[in-house]
Protein backbone atom coordinates (compact mmCIF):
# COMPACT_ATOMS: atom_id res chain seq x y z
CA MET A 1 84.90 94.07 64.99
CA ASP A 2 85.55 96.63 62.26
CA MET A 3 86.49 93.83 59.91
CA LEU A 4 83.24 91.98 60.51
CA THR A 5 80.95 93.35 57.82
CA ARG A 6 77.16 93.13 57.84
CA ARG A 7 77.26 90.45 55.15
CA ASN A 8 79.82 88.37 57.08
CA SER A 9 77.70 88.68 60.22
CA ILE A 10 74.64 87.40 58.38
CA ILE A 11 76.50 84.49 56.82
CA LEU A 12 78.22 83.53 60.11
CA SER A 13 74.86 83.59 61.89
CA ALA A 14 73.34 81.49 59.12
CA LYS A 15 76.15 78.94 59.33
CA GLY A 16 75.79 78.70 63.08
CA LEU A 17 72.07 78.11 62.76
CA ALA A 18 72.61 75.52 60.06
CA ALA A 19 75.16 73.70 62.23
CA LEU A 20 72.77 73.67 65.18
CA MET A 21 69.97 72.27 63.05
CA ALA A 22 72.25 69.64 61.57
CA ALA A 23 73.05 68.47 65.11
CA MET A 24 69.44 68.34 66.25
CA PRO A 25 68.89 64.66 65.32
CA PHE A 26 71.67 63.76 67.74
CA LEU A 27 70.26 65.76 70.63
CA SER A 28 68.01 63.95 73.04
CA GLY A 29 64.35 64.66 72.30
CA CYS A 30 65.13 66.79 69.23
CA ALA A 31 65.12 64.25 66.42
CA PRO A 32 62.24 64.81 63.94
CA GLU A 33 59.80 62.05 63.29
CA GLY A 34 59.78 60.43 59.85
CA ASP A 35 61.36 62.26 56.93
CA GLU A 36 59.93 65.68 57.78
CA ASP A 37 62.22 68.55 56.64
CA LEU A 38 63.53 71.07 59.04
CA GLY A 39 63.04 74.71 57.97
CA VAL A 40 64.00 78.17 59.16
CA ASP A 41 61.05 80.52 59.72
CA GLY A 42 62.17 84.15 59.80
CA GLY A 43 60.38 86.04 62.05
CA LEU A 44 62.81 132.23 64.53
CA ALA A 45 63.69 131.98 65.77
CA THR A 46 65.93 134.09 67.84
CA GLY A 47 68.96 133.96 70.05
CA PRO A 48 72.22 133.45 68.14
CA THR A 49 74.71 131.49 70.17
CA GLY A 50 78.12 130.18 69.63
CA GLY A 51 79.81 127.31 70.93
CA GLN A 52 82.45 122.45 70.02
CA MET A 53 80.81 120.18 67.74
CA PRO A 54 81.49 116.73 69.13
CA SER A 55 83.87 114.32 67.45
CA ILE A 56 85.23 116.66 64.78
CA ASP A 57 88.94 116.38 64.16
CA ALA A 58 90.91 119.42 63.08
CA GLY A 59 90.93 119.75 59.31
CA THR A 60 87.89 117.53 58.85
CA SER A 61 84.64 118.93 57.50
CA PRO A 62 81.75 118.81 59.97
CA PHE A 63 79.67 117.59 57.05
CA ALA A 64 81.78 114.52 56.23
CA GLY A 65 79.04 112.16 57.43
CA ARG A 66 76.29 113.82 55.43
CA ASP A 67 75.15 110.79 53.36
CA ALA A 68 71.39 110.40 53.57
CA GLY A 69 70.14 107.67 55.85
CA GLU A 70 73.53 106.33 56.90
CA ASP A 71 72.40 106.00 60.50
CA GLY A 72 68.92 104.73 59.75
CA PRO A 73 67.79 101.22 60.59
CA VAL A 74 67.98 98.60 57.87
CA ASP A 75 65.43 95.81 57.83
CA LEU A 76 67.18 92.81 56.38
CA GLY A 77 64.08 90.66 56.43
CA ALA A 78 64.27 86.88 57.01
CA ALA A 79 66.10 84.26 54.95
CA GLU A 80 64.50 80.92 54.30
CA GLY A 81 66.21 77.59 53.69
CA ASP A 82 66.20 73.95 54.73
CA GLY A 83 69.19 74.36 57.03
CA ALA A 84 70.73 71.09 55.82
CA SER A 85 74.11 72.57 54.91
CA ASP A 86 76.04 75.73 54.08
CA MET A 87 75.25 75.12 50.42
CA ALA A 88 71.56 75.04 51.14
CA PHE A 89 71.53 78.05 53.43
CA GLU A 90 74.04 80.58 52.10
CA PRO A 91 72.30 81.19 48.75
CA ALA A 92 69.17 82.15 50.64
CA VAL A 93 71.19 84.76 52.54
CA ASP A 94 73.06 86.04 49.51
CA MET A 95 70.07 86.09 47.15
CA ALA A 96 67.27 87.14 49.47
CA VAL A 97 68.97 89.50 51.91
CA GLU A 98 72.09 91.07 50.50
CA PRO A 99 70.64 92.27 47.15
CA ALA A 100 67.77 93.86 49.06
CA VAL A 101 70.30 95.92 51.02
CA ASP A 102 72.48 96.79 48.03
CA MET A 103 69.66 97.50 45.58
CA ALA A 104 67.00 99.06 47.82
CA VAL A 105 69.01 101.09 50.32
CA GLU A 106 72.35 102.17 48.89
CA PRO A 107 71.11 103.50 45.52
CA ALA A 108 68.47 105.55 47.38
CA VAL A 109 71.31 107.23 49.28
CA ASP A 110 73.27 107.93 46.12
CA MET A 111 70.23 109.19 44.20
CA ALA A 112 69.36 111.65 46.99
CA GLN A 113 72.73 113.39 46.67
CA PRO A 114 73.49 115.97 43.96
CA SER A 115 76.61 115.48 41.91
CA PRO A 116 79.45 117.32 43.66
CA PRO A 117 80.85 120.25 41.70
CA ALA A 118 84.17 119.88 39.97
CA PRO A 119 87.05 121.42 41.96
CA GLU A 120 87.33 124.35 39.58
CA GLU A 121 83.61 125.13 40.04
CA ARG A 122 83.61 125.18 43.85
CA ARG A 123 83.08 128.45 45.67
CA ASP A 124 84.93 129.29 48.86
CA TRP A 125 82.99 131.19 51.51
CA ASP A 126 84.06 134.69 50.44
CA THR A 127 83.37 134.00 46.77
CA PHE A 128 79.99 132.53 47.65
CA LEU A 129 78.99 135.66 49.60
CA SER A 130 80.21 137.93 46.80
CA GLU A 131 78.25 136.09 44.13
CA LEU A 132 75.20 135.87 46.39
CA GLU A 133 75.30 139.64 46.86
CA THR A 134 75.33 140.15 43.09
CA LEU A 135 72.41 137.78 42.75
CA ALA A 136 70.45 139.36 45.61
CA ARG A 137 70.66 142.79 43.97
CA THR A 138 68.13 141.56 41.41
CA GLN A 139 65.43 141.91 44.10
CA PHE A 140 65.35 145.63 43.34
CA SER A 141 64.32 144.98 39.75
CA PRO A 142 60.63 145.69 39.04
CA ASP A 143 60.30 142.32 37.31
CA TRP A 144 62.06 140.32 40.03
CA ASP A 145 60.68 136.77 40.03
CA GLN A 146 60.99 135.13 43.45
CA GLU A 147 60.60 131.54 42.24
CA THR A 148 63.41 132.00 39.72
CA TYR A 149 65.53 133.71 42.35
CA VAL A 150 65.33 130.91 44.94
CA GLU A 151 66.30 128.40 42.25
CA GLU A 152 69.32 130.55 41.38
CA VAL A 153 70.31 130.71 45.05
CA LYS A 154 70.02 126.92 45.27
CA ALA A 155 72.28 126.54 42.23
CA LEU A 156 74.88 128.78 43.86
CA MET A 157 74.70 126.98 47.21
CA VAL A 158 75.31 123.63 45.50
CA LEU A 159 78.67 125.02 44.37
CA LEU A 160 79.71 125.94 47.91
CA ASP A 161 82.91 124.13 48.93
CA LEU A 162 81.87 122.14 51.99
CA GLU A 163 85.54 121.65 52.89
CA ASP A 164 86.16 125.40 53.06
CA GLU A 165 87.81 126.34 56.35
CA GLN A 166 85.72 129.48 56.85
CA LEU A 167 82.50 127.56 56.36
CA ASN A 168 83.60 124.80 58.74
CA ALA A 169 84.60 127.37 61.35
CA LEU A 170 81.00 128.64 61.45
CA TYR A 171 79.89 125.25 62.80
CA ALA A 172 83.00 124.21 64.75
CA ASN A 173 82.27 125.67 68.18
CA TYR A 174 78.84 124.16 68.69
CA VAL A 175 77.37 123.96 72.18
CA ASN A 176 73.80 122.95 72.96
CA ALA A 177 72.88 126.11 74.85
CA ALA A 178 69.19 126.41 74.01
CA ARG A 179 67.09 123.54 75.32
CA ASP A 180 64.55 122.18 72.80
CA PHE A 181 65.52 124.86 70.29
CA PRO A 182 68.34 124.91 67.73
CA GLU A 183 71.44 127.04 67.95
CA LEU A 184 70.90 129.81 65.40
CA THR A 185 73.56 132.31 64.42
CA THR A 186 73.34 135.06 61.83
CA VAL A 187 76.71 134.84 60.09
CA HIS A 188 76.12 137.48 57.42
CA GLU A 189 73.69 140.35 57.23
CA GLY A 190 73.50 143.41 55.07
CA GLY A 191 71.19 145.39 52.86
CA PHE A 192 70.53 142.64 50.34
CA PHE A 193 70.32 139.26 52.12
CA GLU A 194 70.95 137.41 55.37
CA VAL A 195 72.72 134.09 56.02
CA ALA A 196 72.28 131.98 59.15
CA THR A 197 73.66 128.70 60.46
CA LEU A 198 71.41 126.34 62.45
CA GLN A 199 72.35 123.28 64.48
CA PHE A 200 69.67 121.00 65.91
CA GLU A 201 69.84 118.23 68.47
CA PRO A 202 67.54 115.26 67.70
CA GLY A 203 63.93 116.29 68.24
CA GLU A 204 64.61 120.02 68.47
CA HIS A 205 61.92 122.02 66.76
CA ILE A 206 61.12 125.44 65.31
CA PRO A 207 57.33 125.84 65.46
CA LEU A 208 55.23 127.33 62.69
CA HIS A 209 56.39 130.87 61.83
CA ASN A 210 56.39 133.24 58.89
CA HIS A 211 58.98 135.29 56.99
CA PRO A 212 57.10 138.48 56.01
CA ASP A 213 57.68 139.50 52.36
CA MET A 214 60.83 137.36 52.24
CA THR A 215 62.24 134.46 50.27
CA GLY A 216 64.16 131.66 51.96
CA VAL A 217 66.46 128.83 50.88
CA ILE A 218 67.28 126.11 53.41
CA PHE A 219 70.30 123.90 52.64
CA CYS A 220 70.69 120.67 54.63
CA LEU A 221 74.38 119.99 55.34
CA SER A 222 74.03 117.05 57.73
CA GLY A 223 71.38 114.99 59.50
CA ARG A 224 67.67 114.75 58.67
CA MET A 225 65.12 117.53 58.93
CA ASP A 226 61.32 117.31 58.67
CA VAL A 227 59.87 120.40 56.98
CA GLU A 228 56.19 121.30 56.85
CA ALA A 229 55.20 124.41 54.86
CA PHE A 230 51.87 126.24 54.48
CA ASP A 231 50.22 129.03 52.53
CA LEU A 232 48.05 131.51 54.40
CA LEU A 233 44.64 131.57 52.72
CA PRO A 234 42.77 134.85 52.24
CA GLU A 235 39.53 133.45 53.68
CA THR A 236 38.90 132.46 57.29
CA SER A 237 37.10 129.55 58.93
CA ASP A 238 33.45 129.66 59.99
CA ASP A 239 34.70 130.68 63.45
CA GLY A 240 36.82 133.47 62.03
CA ASN A 241 40.16 131.68 62.46
CA LEU A 242 43.04 131.72 60.01
CA LEU A 243 43.24 128.95 57.43
CA LEU A 244 46.53 127.39 56.33
CA ARG A 245 46.92 125.10 53.32
CA ARG A 246 49.82 122.65 53.57
CA VAL A 247 51.89 122.82 50.39
CA GLU A 248 54.93 120.81 51.43
CA GLU A 249 55.73 117.97 53.82
CA THR A 250 59.16 116.49 53.33
CA THR A 251 62.31 115.25 55.05
CA LEU A 252 65.53 116.91 53.98
CA VAL A 253 68.75 114.91 53.84
CA PRO A 254 72.23 116.28 53.13
CA GLY A 255 72.42 118.04 49.80
CA GLU A 256 68.68 118.78 49.63
CA PHE A 257 66.82 122.08 49.86
CA ALA A 258 63.54 123.60 50.95
CA THR A 259 62.48 127.01 49.64
CA LEU A 260 59.83 129.61 50.33
CA THR A 261 58.71 132.85 48.77
CA ALA A 262 56.53 135.68 50.04
CA GLY A 263 53.50 133.94 48.58
CA ARG A 264 54.39 130.22 48.65
CA GLY A 265 55.19 128.09 51.69
CA ASN A 266 56.00 131.20 53.73
CA ILE A 267 54.73 129.69 57.01
CA HIS A 268 56.77 126.65 57.95
CA ALA A 269 57.99 124.44 60.81
CA LEU A 270 61.14 122.34 61.17
CA THR A 271 61.87 119.30 63.33
CA ALA A 272 65.20 117.44 63.46
CA ARG A 273 65.19 113.65 63.37
CA GLU A 274 68.87 113.55 64.35
CA PHE A 275 71.71 116.00 64.85
CA THR A 276 71.27 118.31 61.86
CA GLU A 277 73.01 121.34 60.41
CA LEU A 278 71.40 123.82 58.05
CA LEU A 279 72.55 126.86 56.12
CA ASP A 280 69.79 129.41 55.43
CA VAL A 281 69.66 132.35 53.03
CA PHE A 282 66.86 134.92 53.38
CA THR A 283 66.21 137.74 50.93
CA PRO A 284 65.62 140.52 51.79
CA PRO A 285 67.04 140.38 55.34
CA TYR A 286 65.04 141.12 58.46
CA ASP A 287 64.44 144.76 59.29
CA ASP A 288 62.27 146.48 61.88
CA ALA A 289 59.16 146.40 59.69
CA ARG A 290 59.49 142.69 58.87
CA ILE A 291 60.28 141.80 62.48
CA ALA A 292 57.11 143.64 63.56
CA ARG A 293 55.07 141.36 61.27
CA TYR A 294 56.88 138.17 62.28
CA ARG A 295 54.46 135.68 63.84
CA TRP A 296 54.38 132.28 65.52
CA TYR A 297 51.38 130.08 64.76
CA ASP A 298 49.48 127.17 66.25
CA ARG A 299 47.30 125.01 64.07
CA ALA A 300 44.59 122.43 64.63
CA SER A 301 45.70 118.82 64.51
CA ASP A 302 42.67 117.80 62.45
CA ALA A 303 42.09 119.14 58.96
CA TYR A 304 39.38 121.74 58.51
CA ASP A 305 38.74 121.04 54.83
CA GLY A 306 39.93 117.94 53.01
CA ASP A 307 43.31 116.72 54.16
CA ALA A 308 45.46 119.83 53.70
CA VAL A 309 43.65 122.90 55.13
CA TYR A 310 43.86 123.63 58.86
CA GLU A 311 42.51 126.24 61.21
CA ALA A 312 45.33 128.27 62.76
CA TRP A 313 45.95 130.99 65.33
CA ALA A 314 48.70 133.60 65.44
CA ARG A 315 50.31 133.85 68.85
């Protein structure tokens, strides 16, 4: 069956249908009256754990299947034709269906992916951490700009060699130990920044939470991840409740990022559409003071003002 491509399957099905229709005049009770044509009508998180990621061969990157949307459903639509012969039917399949797949779906996958770095530009895990430490030291500058910083972290993470053995080893022993919550492991922590790996089963969710006085860069390595991010407004609702303004609602695919700063998108939630792996960088790292101000939030399902501001409650 591996040799039977989607196109061949469509054409074979079309030929079979055409043959059946061609035989209809010879079947009892099926012959059409008059000269009428026959047609075809298409119808934070806490709790680091360790653990073996399924179906990963030794020496193969866990992120080899990271193309966006490769597991998603494809709607091929319906081909139309008179069913009189292969010549009448196949063009309808080739012209109406196949270009729609090639032109609408595949380029969207390619366009979503950044250009891979040249081999000489790739950073192994140790080099990545070393350069990230140098970059994170800029947080102590009085003119440190958080928006510029998260973009610089993104640019460095793009250069990370996804075939690096040390990086792969961080994800290799996956076990689904936490029900309805991702496996989260802090893999580097120090005085300047913190790096964590996250692995989600389909539907696993991190509810709304904050990162007090921190920046964050989320790198999607595999799967699909829904991200919803909010700003905490200074005013409250008429009932005295918190107000959150949604500033981002997106689905990350491999190679894409979500970022936050202390003042932008700092309260966010994540939900996996399929098995998903993330690599997170937070600057500065958690300490006792930031952990004490860490909060989980609930928000109203209906907007309070317009379509982007919601009442919310800290747990």
